[in-house]
């Protein structure tokens, strides 16, 4: 069963947006600068998270297919 990419990537992007915003404000940047940097950072996190989740989905799908083919081979060799 594949993992849903969009909710995970969205959650990661939202968390990173606020984390980057608060980090920028804490070091004394203007709110507009913090917003721009946080938006760009959130977009990057969204894309990277989407790619990583797709890679994990590919690995899980491959593992499930291998597991099923190995079970099928074992049942045919025994009988």
Protein backbone atom coordinates (compact mmCIF):
# COMPACT_ATOMS: atom_id res chain seq x y z
CA UNK A 1 0.00 0.00 0.00
CA UNK A 2 1.70 3.19 -1.11
CA UNK A 3 2.13 6.15 1.18
CA UNK A 4 0.19 9.28 0.22
CA UNK A 5 2.66 11.93 -0.89
CA UNK A 6 0.66 15.16 -0.78
CA UNK A 7 -0.41 15.17 2.91
CA UNK A 8 3.08 14.32 4.12
CA UNK A 9 4.75 16.91 1.89
CA UNK A 10 2.18 19.56 2.86
CA UNK A 11 2.63 18.93 6.58
CA UNK A 12 6.41 19.10 6.25
CA UNK A 13 6.18 22.33 4.24
CA UNK A 14 3.86 24.01 6.76
CA UNK A 15 6.05 23.01 9.70
CA UNK A 16 9.17 24.23 7.93
CA UNK A 17 7.47 27.50 6.97
CA UNK A 18 6.69 28.37 10.57
CA UNK A 19 10.04 27.11 11.84
CA UNK A 20 11.91 29.23 9.30
CA UNK A 21 9.68 32.23 10.04
CA UNK A 22 10.31 32.05 13.77
CA UNK A 23 14.01 31.46 13.24
CA UNK A 24 14.23 34.54 11.01
CA UNK A 25 12.31 36.68 13.46
CA UNK A 26 14.45 35.51 16.36
CA UNK A 27 17.65 36.71 14.64
CA UNK A 28 16.13 40.09 13.87
CA UNK A 29 15.09 39.93 10.21
CA UNK A 30 12.11 41.95 9.03
CA UNK A 31 8.78 40.11 8.75
CA UNK A 32 8.72 40.50 4.96
CA UNK A 33 12.19 38.97 4.63
CA UNK A 34 11.21 36.14 6.96
CA UNK A 35 8.09 35.48 4.92
CA UNK A 36 9.97 35.34 1.62
CA UNK A 37 12.67 33.05 2.98
CA UNK A 38 10.16 30.83 4.77
CA UNK A 39 8.05 30.52 1.61
CA UNK A 40 11.05 29.53 -0.48
CA UNK A 41 12.20 27.10 2.21
CA UNK A 42 8.73 25.57 2.46
CA UNK A 43 8.60 25.12 -1.32
CA UNK A 44 11.96 23.37 -1.29
CA UNK A 45 10.89 21.14 1.61
CA UNK A 46 7.64 20.29 -0.22
CA UNK A 47 9.50 19.19 -3.35
CA UNK A 48 12.22 17.28 -1.48
CA UNK A 49 9.67 15.54 0.75
CA UNK A 50 7.63 14.56 -2.29
CA UNK A 51 10.67 13.04 -3.97
CA UNK A 52 11.71 11.18 -0.82
CA UNK A 53 8.21 9.76 -0.26
CA UNK A 54 8.07 8.64 -3.90
CA UNK A 55 11.41 6.86 -3.44
CA UNK A 56 10.12 5.17 -0.28
CA UNK A 57 6.96 4.14 -2.17
CA UNK A 58 9.07 2.61 -4.93
CA UNK A 59 11.15 0.67 -2.40
CA UNK A 60 8.06 -0.57 -0.54
CA UNK A 61 6.31 -1.57 -3.75
CA UNK A 62 9.38 -3.46 -4.92
CA UNK A 63 9.64 -5.24 -1.58
CA UNK A 64 5.97 -6.23 -1.67
CA UNK A 65 6.28 -7.55 -5.22
CA UNK A 66 9.42 -9.53 -4.32
CA UNK A 67 7.71 -10.97 -1.27
CA UNK A 68 4.72 -12.12 -3.29
CA UNK A 69 6.84 -13.64 -6.05
CA UNK A 70 9.00 -15.47 -3.49
CA UNK A 71 5.89 -16.91 -1.81
CA UNK A 72 4.58 -18.01 -5.16
CA UNK A 73 7.89 -19.70 -6.06
CA UNK A 74 7.97 -21.50 -2.71
CA UNK A 75 4.42 -22.84 -3.06
CA UNK A 76 5.04 -24.13 -6.59
CA UNK A 77 8.30 -25.88 -5.70
CA UNK A 78 6.80 -27.69 -2.71
CA UNK A 79 3.71 -29.04 -4.47
